[in-house]
Amino acid sequence: MCPLTSSEQAKKIQHKSKSQIIETMRAEHDEKKLPLSMTIHKKTPEEVFQLLKLPENLPYFFENLSKTEFVSENKNKWFFDANEESPEAFDFVMQSEFDENSPALLWRSEDGAGFDYSVAIELERAQANRGTIARMTVVYDNKAGKFASLFEKFMGKDAETVSRKILGRIKAFCETGSVPTTKGQPSGRAEDLPQLKH
């Protein structure tokens, strides 16, 4: 099942979010797909939440995201490098909402970006204290315009593959402090990574 859909592709909701911010996001997009999930060992939901909420950590997870830049409270500009699919770099502002009680995190593109892009991550303690279950839902509604076309080239059309890559990097980062090396991304070497919080 693919967690990245447009509202036209939505089907019956099978997973209920514990977080109001994510419930609101799904309602706005008529999003009804199951989120993709992965278990992160060695870390509690609270520890994973603290790692994911830091904007400077996001380039380790999102492919071709080179850096983030502070705009205002709860807003950061995301800068994407050129890649094989698109020779043109671009950037856009993402708004963030965090629910520490759930815990859950939501990033969404600002109005006027030329597309609607939302990434939601819910964190839940795994059974027998085996770590944290991370559930991710990505919603992408394409609109007309230059940036919409660029965005599709950067993110790719195979949503499940892209989403699995993001979750895989989050899992590696949280468990080991390193991420798979990819062209145009941080190397993942320990000396290149920020100090992990415990």
N, C-alpha and C. Protein backbone atom coordinates (compact mmCIF):
# COMPACT_ATOMS: atom_id res chain seq x y z
N MET A 1 0.83 -1.20 0.00
CA MET A 1 0.00 0.00 0.00
C MET A 1 0.86 1.24 0.00
N CYS A 2 0.52 2.18 -0.77
CA CYS A 2 1.32 3.39 -0.96
C CYS A 2 0.86 4.52 -0.06
N PRO A 3 1.76 5.08 0.81
CA PRO A 3 1.31 6.12 1.72
C PRO A 3 1.24 7.49 1.10
N LEU A 4 1.65 7.65 -0.16
CA LEU A 4 1.65 8.95 -0.84
C LEU A 4 0.54 8.96 -1.87
N THR A 5 -0.48 9.77 -1.64
CA THR A 5 -1.63 9.74 -2.54
C THR A 5 -2.13 11.15 -2.78
N SER A 6 -2.93 11.30 -3.83
CA SER A 6 -3.71 12.52 -4.01
C SER A 6 -5.08 12.24 -3.46
N SER A 7 -5.88 13.28 -3.27
CA SER A 7 -7.20 13.09 -2.68
C SER A 7 -8.08 12.21 -3.57
N GLU A 8 -7.84 12.20 -4.88
CA GLU A 8 -8.65 11.38 -5.79
C GLU A 8 -8.39 9.89 -5.58
N GLN A 9 -7.23 9.53 -5.01
CA GLN A 9 -6.88 8.12 -4.86
C GLN A 9 -7.23 7.58 -3.49
N ALA A 10 -7.79 8.41 -2.63
CA ALA A 10 -8.01 8.02 -1.25
C ALA A 10 -9.05 6.91 -1.13
N LYS A 11 -8.83 6.04 -0.14
CA LYS A 11 -9.75 4.95 0.13
C LYS A 11 -10.11 4.93 1.62
N LYS A 12 -10.79 3.89 2.06
CA LYS A 12 -11.30 3.81 3.42
C LYS A 12 -10.20 3.89 4.47
N ILE A 13 -10.42 4.72 5.51
CA ILE A 13 -9.44 4.86 6.59
C ILE A 13 -9.40 3.57 7.40
N GLN A 14 -8.16 3.07 7.61
CA GLN A 14 -8.00 1.86 8.40
C GLN A 14 -7.15 2.11 9.64
N HIS A 15 -6.48 3.27 9.70
CA HIS A 15 -5.65 3.58 10.84
C HIS A 15 -6.10 4.91 11.43
N LYS A 16 -6.35 4.95 12.71
CA LYS A 16 -6.79 6.16 13.39
C LYS A 16 -5.61 6.79 14.11
N SER A 17 -5.36 8.06 13.86
CA SER A 17 -4.26 8.76 14.50
C SER A 17 -4.60 9.13 15.93
N LYS A 18 -3.60 9.09 16.81
CA LYS A 18 -3.77 9.53 18.18
C LYS A 18 -3.59 11.04 18.28
N SER A 19 -2.98 11.64 17.27
CA SER A 19 -2.63 13.05 17.32
C SER A 19 -3.64 13.89 16.55
N GLN A 20 -4.10 14.98 17.17
CA GLN A 20 -5.07 15.84 16.54
C GLN A 20 -4.49 16.53 15.32
N ILE A 21 -3.19 16.90 15.36
CA ILE A 21 -2.59 17.60 14.22
C ILE A 21 -2.58 16.70 12.99
N ILE A 22 -2.39 15.41 13.19
CA ILE A 22 -2.35 14.49 12.06
C ILE A 22 -3.77 14.16 11.60
N GLU A 23 -4.69 14.06 12.53
CA GLU A 23 -6.09 13.87 12.16
C GLU A 23 -6.54 15.04 11.27
N THR A 24 -6.15 16.25 11.66
CA THR A 24 -6.52 17.44 10.89
C THR A 24 -5.92 17.39 9.49
N MET A 25 -4.66 17.00 9.38
CA MET A 25 -3.99 16.90 8.08
C MET A 25 -4.71 15.90 7.18
N ARG A 26 -5.06 14.75 7.72
CA ARG A 26 -5.73 13.73 6.92
C ARG A 26 -7.11 14.20 6.47
N ALA A 27 -7.79 14.91 7.35
CA ALA A 27 -9.12 15.41 6.99
C ALA A 27 -9.03 16.45 5.88
N GLU A 28 -8.02 17.31 5.95
CA GLU A 28 -7.86 18.36 4.93
C GLU A 28 -7.58 17.77 3.56
N HIS A 29 -6.84 16.67 3.54
CA HIS A 29 -6.47 16.06 2.26
C HIS A 29 -7.35 14.87 1.89
N ASP A 30 -8.36 14.58 2.73
CA ASP A 30 -9.18 13.40 2.51
C ASP A 30 -8.29 12.17 2.40
N GLU A 31 -7.28 12.13 3.26
CA GLU A 31 -6.26 11.09 3.20
C GLU A 31 -6.71 9.83 3.93
N LYS A 32 -6.72 8.68 3.22
CA LYS A 32 -7.29 7.48 3.80
C LYS A 32 -6.43 6.25 3.60
N LYS A 33 -5.17 6.45 3.37
CA LYS A 33 -4.28 5.31 3.19
C LYS A 33 -3.61 4.94 4.50
N LEU A 34 -3.27 3.67 4.65
CA LEU A 34 -2.50 3.24 5.80
C LEU A 34 -1.11 3.87 5.77
N PRO A 35 -0.62 4.33 6.92
CA PRO A 35 0.76 4.83 6.95
C PRO A 35 1.75 3.68 6.84
N LEU A 36 2.95 4.00 6.41
CA LEU A 36 4.03 3.02 6.37
C LEU A 36 4.67 3.00 7.74
N SER A 37 5.06 1.84 8.25
CA SER A 37 5.60 1.76 9.60
C SER A 37 6.93 1.01 9.63
N MET A 38 7.72 1.32 10.65
CA MET A 38 9.01 0.67 10.85
C MET A 38 9.36 0.76 12.33
N THR A 39 10.00 -0.27 12.88
CA THR A 39 10.39 -0.28 14.28
C THR A 39 11.82 0.22 14.45
N ILE A 40 11.99 1.19 15.32
CA ILE A 40 13.31 1.73 15.65
C ILE A 40 13.71 1.16 17.00
N HIS A 41 14.77 0.39 17.03
CA HIS A 41 15.24 -0.24 18.26
C HIS A 41 16.13 0.73 19.05
N LYS A 42 16.25 0.48 20.33
CA LYS A 42 17.18 1.18 21.22
C LYS A 42 16.72 2.57 21.65
N LYS A 43 15.65 3.10 21.05
CA LYS A 43 15.22 4.45 21.38
C LYS A 43 13.75 4.46 21.81
N THR A 44 13.43 5.31 22.79
CA THR A 44 12.05 5.50 23.21
C THR A 44 11.37 6.49 22.27
N PRO A 45 10.03 6.54 22.24
CA PRO A 45 9.34 7.53 21.41
C PRO A 45 9.78 8.96 21.73
N GLU A 46 10.02 9.23 23.00
CA GLU A 46 10.43 10.57 23.40
C GLU A 46 11.81 10.91 22.84
N GLU A 47 12.71 9.95 22.82
CA GLU A 47 14.05 10.20 22.28
C GLU A 47 14.00 10.40 20.77
N VAL A 48 13.22 9.59 20.08
CA VAL A 48 13.09 9.73 18.63
C VAL A 48 12.45 11.07 18.29
N PHE A 49 11.45 11.46 19.04
CA PHE A 49 10.78 12.74 18.83
C PHE A 49 11.77 13.90 18.91
N GLN A 50 12.63 13.89 19.91
CA GLN A 50 13.59 14.97 20.07
C GLN A 50 14.58 15.03 18.91
N LEU A 51 14.95 13.90 18.35
CA LEU A 51 15.86 13.87 17.21
C LEU A 51 15.18 14.39 15.94
N LEU A 52 13.92 14.02 15.74
CA LEU A 52 13.22 14.38 14.51
C LEU A 52 12.79 15.83 14.48
N LYS A 53 12.58 16.44 15.61
CA LYS A 53 12.07 17.81 15.64
C LYS A 53 13.14 18.85 15.31
N LEU A 54 14.42 18.45 15.31
CA LEU A 54 15.50 19.39 15.02
C LEU A 54 15.63 19.59 13.51
N PRO A 55 15.44 20.80 13.01
CA PRO A 55 15.52 21.04 11.56
C PRO A 55 16.86 20.65 10.95
N GLU A 56 17.94 20.81 11.71
CA GLU A 56 19.26 20.49 11.18
C GLU A 56 19.46 19.00 10.94
N ASN A 57 18.59 18.16 11.51
CA ASN A 57 18.70 16.71 11.29
C ASN A 57 17.97 16.25 10.03
N LEU A 58 17.05 17.05 9.52
CA LEU A 58 16.20 16.61 8.40
C LEU A 58 16.96 16.23 7.13
N PRO A 59 18.07 16.91 6.77
CA PRO A 59 18.79 16.50 5.55
C PRO A 59 19.33 15.07 5.61
N TYR A 60 19.45 14.50 6.80
CA TYR A 60 19.90 13.12 6.91
C TYR A 60 18.81 12.14 6.50
N PHE A 61 17.57 12.59 6.48
CA PHE A 61 16.44 11.70 6.21
C PHE A 61 15.85 11.87 4.81
N PHE A 62 15.77 13.11 4.33
CA PHE A 62 15.08 13.39 3.07
C PHE A 62 16.08 13.48 1.91
N GLU A 63 15.85 12.66 0.90
CA GLU A 63 16.75 12.59 -0.24
C GLU A 63 16.82 13.93 -0.97
N ASN A 64 18.05 14.36 -1.28
CA ASN A 64 18.36 15.60 -2.00
C ASN A 64 18.12 16.87 -1.17
N LEU A 65 17.67 16.73 0.07
CA LEU A 65 17.53 17.90 0.94
C LEU A 65 18.91 18.24 1.49
N SER A 66 19.45 19.38 1.08
CA SER A 66 20.82 19.74 1.46
C SER A 66 20.90 20.48 2.78
N LYS A 67 19.88 21.31 3.08
CA LYS A 67 19.90 22.05 4.34
C LYS A 67 18.52 22.65 4.60
N THR A 68 18.34 23.11 5.83
CA THR A 68 17.15 23.88 6.18
C THR A 68 17.61 25.22 6.76
N GLU A 69 16.76 26.22 6.62
CA GLU A 69 17.12 27.56 7.06
C GLU A 69 15.94 28.16 7.83
N PHE A 70 16.22 28.70 9.01
CA PHE A 70 15.18 29.27 9.85
C PHE A 70 14.51 30.46 9.17
N VAL A 71 13.18 30.46 9.17
CA VAL A 71 12.40 31.58 8.62
C VAL A 71 11.71 32.32 9.74
N SER A 72 10.96 31.60 10.54
CA SER A 72 10.28 32.15 11.71
C SER A 72 9.87 30.97 12.57
N GLU A 73 9.22 31.25 13.69
CA GLU A 73 8.81 30.17 14.57
C GLU A 73 7.93 29.19 13.81
N ASN A 74 8.32 27.90 13.87
CA ASN A 74 7.59 26.81 13.21
C ASN A 74 7.64 26.87 11.68
N LYS A 75 8.57 27.65 11.13
CA LYS A 75 8.75 27.69 9.68
C LYS A 75 10.23 27.62 9.34
N ASN A 76 10.56 26.74 8.36
CA ASN A 76 11.93 26.62 7.87
C ASN A 76 11.90 26.46 6.35
N LYS A 77 12.88 27.02 5.69
CA LYS A 77 13.00 26.83 4.25
C LYS A 77 13.83 25.58 3.99
N TRP A 78 13.31 24.71 3.13
CA TRP A 78 14.00 23.48 2.76
C TRP A 78 14.68 23.69 1.41
N PHE A 79 15.98 23.39 1.32
CA PHE A 79 16.76 23.56 0.10
C PHE A 79 17.09 22.19 -0.49
N PHE A 80 16.67 21.97 -1.73
CA PHE A 80 16.93 20.71 -2.42
C PHE A 80 17.97 20.92 -3.51
N ASP A 81 18.96 20.03 -3.54
CA ASP A 81 20.00 20.08 -4.56
C ASP A 81 19.49 19.49 -5.88
N ALA A 82 20.13 19.87 -6.97
CA ALA A 82 19.84 19.25 -8.26
C ALA A 82 20.21 17.77 -8.20
N ASN A 83 19.50 16.97 -8.99
CA ASN A 83 19.81 15.54 -9.04
C ASN A 83 19.76 15.05 -10.48
N GLU A 84 19.83 13.74 -10.67
CA GLU A 84 19.86 13.18 -12.02
C GLU A 84 18.56 13.45 -12.77
N GLU A 85 17.47 13.52 -12.02
CA GLU A 85 16.17 13.74 -12.66
C GLU A 85 15.94 15.20 -13.02
N SER A 86 16.49 16.10 -12.23
CA SER A 86 16.28 17.52 -12.45
C SER A 86 17.57 18.29 -12.21
N PRO A 87 18.09 19.02 -13.21
CA PRO A 87 19.34 19.76 -13.05
C PRO A 87 19.17 21.07 -12.30
N GLU A 88 17.96 21.38 -11.89
CA GLU A 88 17.68 22.67 -11.26
C GLU A 88 17.37 22.49 -9.78
N ALA A 89 18.12 23.20 -8.92
CA ALA A 89 17.85 23.17 -7.49
C ALA A 89 16.66 24.07 -7.17
N PHE A 90 15.99 23.80 -6.07
CA PHE A 90 14.89 24.68 -5.68
C PHE A 90 14.67 24.60 -4.17
N ASP A 91 13.85 25.52 -3.65
CA ASP A 91 13.57 25.56 -2.22
C ASP A 91 12.14 26.02 -2.00
N PHE A 92 11.61 25.70 -0.83
CA PHE A 92 10.27 26.14 -0.45
C PHE A 92 10.17 26.11 1.06
N VAL A 93 9.18 26.83 1.59
CA VAL A 93 9.00 26.94 3.04
C VAL A 93 8.09 25.83 3.54
N MET A 94 8.52 25.18 4.62
CA MET A 94 7.71 24.14 5.27
C MET A 94 7.33 24.61 6.67
N GLN A 95 6.07 24.41 7.01
CA GLN A 95 5.60 24.71 8.35
C GLN A 95 5.64 23.42 9.18
N SER A 96 5.94 23.54 10.45
CA SER A 96 6.03 22.37 11.32
C SER A 96 5.08 22.48 12.49
N GLU A 97 4.51 21.36 12.87
CA GLU A 97 3.66 21.26 14.05
C GLU A 97 4.07 20.01 14.81
N PHE A 98 4.31 20.18 16.12
CA PHE A 98 4.77 19.06 16.93
C PHE A 98 3.83 18.84 18.12
N ASP A 99 3.50 17.59 18.35
CA ASP A 99 2.66 17.20 19.47
C ASP A 99 3.48 16.27 20.35
N GLU A 100 4.04 16.83 21.41
CA GLU A 100 4.95 16.06 22.26
C GLU A 100 4.21 15.03 23.09
N ASN A 101 2.93 15.22 23.31
CA ASN A 101 2.17 14.29 24.13
C ASN A 101 1.87 12.98 23.41
N SER A 102 1.69 13.02 22.09
CA SER A 102 1.28 11.82 21.35
C SER A 102 2.35 10.73 21.31
N PRO A 103 3.61 10.95 20.96
CA PRO A 103 4.14 12.13 20.26
C PRO A 103 3.97 11.99 18.74
N ALA A 104 3.93 13.14 18.06
CA ALA A 104 3.76 13.15 16.61
C ALA A 104 4.37 14.41 16.04
N LEU A 105 4.75 14.35 14.76
CA LEU A 105 5.35 15.48 14.07
C LEU A 105 4.70 15.63 12.71
N LEU A 106 4.50 16.88 12.29
CA LEU A 106 3.90 17.16 11.00
C LEU A 106 4.63 18.31 10.33
N TRP A 107 5.02 18.11 9.08
CA TRP A 107 5.60 19.17 8.24
C TRP A 107 4.70 19.33 7.03
N ARG A 108 4.40 20.57 6.65
CA ARG A 108 3.55 20.80 5.49
C ARG A 108 4.04 22.01 4.73
N SER A 109 3.89 21.96 3.40
CA SER A 109 4.33 23.08 2.56
C SER A 109 3.45 24.28 2.80
N GLU A 110 4.05 25.46 2.66
CA GLU A 110 3.33 26.70 2.85
C GLU A 110 2.42 26.98 1.66
N ASP A 111 1.34 27.68 1.90
CA ASP A 111 0.45 28.06 0.81
C ASP A 111 1.22 28.85 -0.25
N GLY A 112 0.93 28.56 -1.50
CA GLY A 112 1.60 29.27 -2.58
C GLY A 112 2.82 28.56 -3.12
N ALA A 113 3.12 27.37 -2.59
CA ALA A 113 4.29 26.63 -3.05
C ALA A 113 4.09 26.03 -4.43
N GLY A 114 2.85 25.90 -4.87
CA GLY A 114 2.56 25.28 -6.15
C GLY A 114 2.19 23.82 -6.01
N PHE A 115 2.23 23.30 -4.78
CA PHE A 115 1.86 21.93 -4.49
C PHE A 115 1.57 21.83 -3.00
N ASP A 116 0.80 20.83 -2.62
CA ASP A 116 0.56 20.54 -1.20
C ASP A 116 1.40 19.32 -0.84
N TYR A 117 2.28 19.50 0.12
CA TYR A 117 3.17 18.41 0.53
C TYR A 117 3.15 18.34 2.05
N SER A 118 2.73 17.21 2.59
CA SER A 118 2.68 17.02 4.04
C SER A 118 3.34 15.70 4.41
N VAL A 119 4.12 15.74 5.47
CA VAL A 119 4.77 14.54 6.01
C VAL A 119 4.41 14.44 7.48
N ALA A 120 3.77 13.35 7.86
CA ALA A 120 3.36 13.15 9.25
C ALA A 120 4.02 11.89 9.80
N ILE A 121 4.55 11.99 11.00
CA ILE A 121 5.18 10.84 11.65
C ILE A 121 4.59 10.70 13.05
N GLU A 122 4.07 9.52 13.33
CA GLU A 122 3.54 9.18 14.65
C GLU A 122 4.48 8.18 15.31
N LEU A 123 4.69 8.35 16.60
CA LEU A 123 5.62 7.50 17.33
C LEU A 123 4.88 6.78 18.45
N GLU A 124 5.14 5.49 18.58
CA GLU A 124 4.46 4.68 19.59
C GLU A 124 5.45 3.69 20.18
N ARG A 125 5.37 3.49 21.47
CA ARG A 125 6.26 2.54 22.14
C ARG A 125 5.95 1.12 21.68
N ALA A 126 6.98 0.39 21.27
CA ALA A 126 6.80 -0.99 20.82
C ALA A 126 6.56 -1.90 22.02
N GLN A 127 5.93 -3.03 21.78
CA GLN A 127 5.64 -3.98 22.84
C GLN A 127 6.92 -4.48 23.48
N ALA A 128 6.83 -4.78 24.77
CA ALA A 128 7.96 -5.32 25.53
C ALA A 128 9.16 -4.38 25.51
N ASN A 129 8.87 -3.09 25.37
CA ASN A 129 9.95 -2.08 25.35
C ASN A 129 11.03 -2.39 24.32
N ARG A 130 10.60 -2.85 23.15
CA ARG A 130 11.56 -3.18 22.08
C ARG A 130 12.01 -1.96 21.29
N GLY A 131 11.54 -0.78 21.66
CA GLY A 131 11.92 0.41 20.92
C GLY A 131 10.69 1.24 20.57
N THR A 132 10.70 1.81 19.38
CA THR A 132 9.63 2.72 18.95
C THR A 132 9.11 2.34 17.58
N ILE A 133 7.80 2.31 17.44
CA ILE A 133 7.19 2.12 16.13
C ILE A 133 6.94 3.50 15.52
N ALA A 134 7.53 3.75 14.37
CA ALA A 134 7.34 5.02 13.66
C ALA A 134 6.40 4.78 12.48
N ARG A 135 5.31 5.55 12.42
CA ARG A 135 4.36 5.45 11.32
C ARG A 135 4.38 6.75 10.54
N MET A 136 4.59 6.65 9.24
CA MET A 136 4.72 7.84 8.42
C MET A 136 3.67 7.88 7.32
N THR A 137 3.03 9.02 7.17
CA THR A 137 2.08 9.26 6.09
C THR A 137 2.58 10.46 5.30
N VAL A 138 2.67 10.31 3.99
CA VAL A 138 3.08 11.40 3.11
C VAL A 138 1.94 11.69 2.15
N VAL A 139 1.54 12.94 2.07
CA VAL A 139 0.46 13.35 1.18
C VAL A 139 1.00 14.37 0.20
N TYR A 140 0.75 14.13 -1.07
CA TYR A 140 1.24 15.03 -2.11
C TYR A 140 0.13 15.28 -3.11
N ASP A 141 -0.35 16.51 -3.16
CA ASP A 141 -1.35 16.90 -4.14
C ASP A 141 -0.70 17.85 -5.13
N ASN A 142 -0.51 17.38 -6.35
CA ASN A 142 0.16 18.17 -7.38
C ASN A 142 -0.76 19.27 -7.90
N LYS A 143 -0.18 20.42 -8.16
CA LYS A 143 -0.91 21.54 -8.75
C LYS A 143 -0.16 22.00 -10.00
N ALA A 144 -0.81 22.82 -10.77
CA ALA A 144 -0.15 23.34 -11.97
C ALA A 144 0.97 24.29 -11.56
N GLY A 145 2.03 24.31 -12.37
CA GLY A 145 3.10 25.25 -12.08
C GLY A 145 4.47 24.62 -12.16
N LYS A 146 5.47 25.47 -12.25
CA LYS A 146 6.86 25.04 -12.40
C LYS A 146 7.32 24.18 -11.24
N PHE A 147 7.04 24.62 -10.00
CA PHE A 147 7.56 23.91 -8.84
C PHE A 147 6.90 22.55 -8.66
N ALA A 148 5.66 22.42 -9.09
CA ALA A 148 5.00 21.12 -8.99
C ALA A 148 5.75 20.08 -9.81
N SER A 149 6.15 20.46 -11.01
CA SER A 149 6.90 19.55 -11.88
C SER A 149 8.26 19.24 -11.28
N LEU A 150 8.93 20.25 -10.77
CA LEU A 150 10.24 20.03 -10.15
C LEU A 150 10.12 19.11 -8.94
N PHE A 151 9.09 19.34 -8.14
CA PHE A 151 8.89 18.55 -6.94
C PHE A 151 8.73 17.08 -7.26
N GLU A 152 7.96 16.78 -8.27
CA GLU A 152 7.75 15.39 -8.66
C GLU A 152 9.05 14.74 -9.09
N LYS A 153 9.90 15.50 -9.79
CA LYS A 153 11.19 14.96 -10.22
C LYS A 153 12.09 14.68 -9.04
N PHE A 154 12.06 15.57 -8.04
CA PHE A 154 12.91 15.38 -6.87
C PHE A 154 12.43 14.23 -6.01
N MET A 155 11.13 14.13 -5.80
CA MET A 155 10.60 13.13 -4.89
C MET A 155 10.37 11.77 -5.55
N GLY A 156 10.21 11.79 -6.86
CA GLY A 156 9.97 10.54 -7.55
C GLY A 156 8.50 10.15 -7.54
N LYS A 157 8.13 9.22 -8.41
CA LYS A 157 6.74 8.80 -8.54
C LYS A 157 6.44 7.54 -7.73
N ASP A 158 7.51 6.81 -7.34
CA ASP A 158 7.31 5.60 -6.56
C ASP A 158 7.29 5.98 -5.09
N ALA A 159 6.12 6.32 -4.60
CA ALA A 159 5.99 6.88 -3.25
C ALA A 159 6.43 5.91 -2.16
N GLU A 160 6.09 4.65 -2.31
CA GLU A 160 6.41 3.68 -1.26
C GLU A 160 7.92 3.53 -1.13
N THR A 161 8.63 3.49 -2.26
CA THR A 161 10.09 3.37 -2.23
C THR A 161 10.70 4.58 -1.54
N VAL A 162 10.23 5.78 -1.91
CA VAL A 162 10.75 7.01 -1.32
C VAL A 162 10.48 7.03 0.18
N SER A 163 9.27 6.65 0.58
CA SER A 163 8.91 6.66 1.99
C SER A 163 9.73 5.66 2.79
N ARG A 164 9.96 4.48 2.20
CA ARG A 164 10.77 3.48 2.89
C ARG A 164 12.21 3.97 3.08
N LYS A 165 12.72 4.71 2.09
CA LYS A 165 14.06 5.28 2.22
C LYS A 165 14.14 6.25 3.39
N ILE A 166 13.12 7.10 3.50
CA ILE A 166 13.10 8.08 4.59
C ILE A 166 13.06 7.37 5.94
N LEU A 167 12.15 6.40 6.09
CA LEU A 167 12.05 5.67 7.35
C LEU A 167 13.32 4.89 7.64
N GLY A 168 13.93 4.33 6.60
CA GLY A 168 15.17 3.58 6.78
C GLY A 168 16.29 4.45 7.30
N ARG A 169 16.36 5.68 6.79
CA ARG A 169 17.39 6.61 7.25
C ARG A 169 17.12 7.06 8.68
N ILE A 170 15.84 7.29 9.00
CA ILE A 170 15.49 7.67 10.37
C ILE A 170 15.88 6.55 11.33
N LYS A 171 15.56 5.32 10.96
CA LYS A 171 15.89 4.15 11.79
C LYS A 171 17.41 4.06 12.00
N ALA A 172 18.18 4.18 10.92
CA ALA A 172 19.64 4.08 11.03
C ALA A 172 20.21 5.20 11.89
N PHE A 173 19.71 6.41 11.67
CA PHE A 173 20.20 7.58 12.41
C PHE A 173 19.94 7.42 13.90
N CYS A 174 18.73 6.99 14.25
CA CYS A 174 18.37 6.85 15.65
C CYS A 174 19.10 5.70 16.33
N GLU A 175 19.31 4.61 15.60
CA GLU A 175 19.92 3.42 16.20
C GLU A 175 21.44 3.49 16.25
N THR A 176 22.06 4.06 15.21
CA THR A 176 23.52 3.99 15.11
C THR A 176 24.21 5.35 15.03
N GLY A 177 23.46 6.41 14.78
CA GLY A 177 24.09 7.73 14.64
C GLY A 177 24.67 7.96 13.27
N SER A 178 24.37 7.08 12.31
CA SER A 178 24.86 7.27 10.94
C SER A 178 23.74 6.92 9.97
N VAL A 179 23.89 7.38 8.73
CA VAL A 179 22.90 7.12 7.69
C VAL A 179 23.59 6.60 6.45
N PRO A 180 22.87 5.89 5.57
CA PRO A 180 23.47 5.42 4.32
C PRO A 180 24.01 6.58 3.50
N THR A 181 25.18 6.43 2.94
CA THR A 181 25.78 7.47 2.13
C THR A 181 25.12 7.52 0.77
N THR A 182 24.68 8.71 0.38
CA THR A 182 24.13 8.91 -0.96
C THR A 182 24.71 10.18 -1.53
N LYS A 183 24.78 10.24 -2.84
CA LYS A 183 25.34 11.40 -3.51
C LYS A 183 24.56 12.66 -3.16
N GLY A 184 25.31 13.70 -2.75
CA GLY A 184 24.69 14.97 -2.44
C GLY A 184 24.14 15.05 -1.03
N GLN A 185 24.33 13.96 -0.24
CA GLN A 185 23.86 13.93 1.13
C GLN A 185 25.06 13.92 2.06
N PRO A 186 24.85 14.23 3.36
CA PRO A 186 25.93 14.07 4.32
C PRO A 186 26.46 12.66 4.28
N SER A 187 27.74 12.49 4.56
CA SER A 187 28.38 11.19 4.39
C SER A 187 27.85 10.13 5.34
N GLY A 188 27.34 10.57 6.51
CA GLY A 188 26.88 9.59 7.48
C GLY A 188 27.97 9.15 8.42
N ARG A 189 29.19 9.67 8.25
CA ARG A 189 30.25 9.33 9.17
C ARG A 189 29.98 9.96 10.52
N ALA A 190 30.43 9.33 11.59
CA ALA A 190 30.12 9.81 12.93
C ALA A 190 30.57 11.25 13.13
N GLU A 191 31.72 11.63 12.55
CA GLU A 191 32.23 12.98 12.75
C GLU A 191 31.40 14.02 12.02
N ASP A 192 30.56 13.59 11.06
CA ASP A 192 29.74 14.53 10.31
C ASP A 192 28.36 14.71 10.90
N LEU A 193 28.01 13.91 11.90
CA LEU A 193 26.67 13.93 12.45
C LEU A 193 26.62 14.75 13.73
N PRO A 194 25.47 15.39 14.00
CA PRO A 194 25.33 16.11 15.26
C PRO A 194 25.29 15.15 16.43
N GLN A 195 25.60 15.65 17.62
CA GLN A 195 25.58 14.81 18.81
C GLN A 195 24.16 14.33 19.08
N LEU A 196 23.99 13.04 19.22
CA LEU A 196 22.67 12.48 19.49
C LEU A 196 22.29 12.75 20.93
N LYS A 197 21.00 12.99 21.16
CA LYS A 197 20.52 13.20 22.51
C LYS A 197 20.02 11.89 23.09
N HIS A 198 20.29 11.66 24.35
CA HIS A 198 19.84 10.44 25.00
C HIS A 198 18.93 10.77 26.17
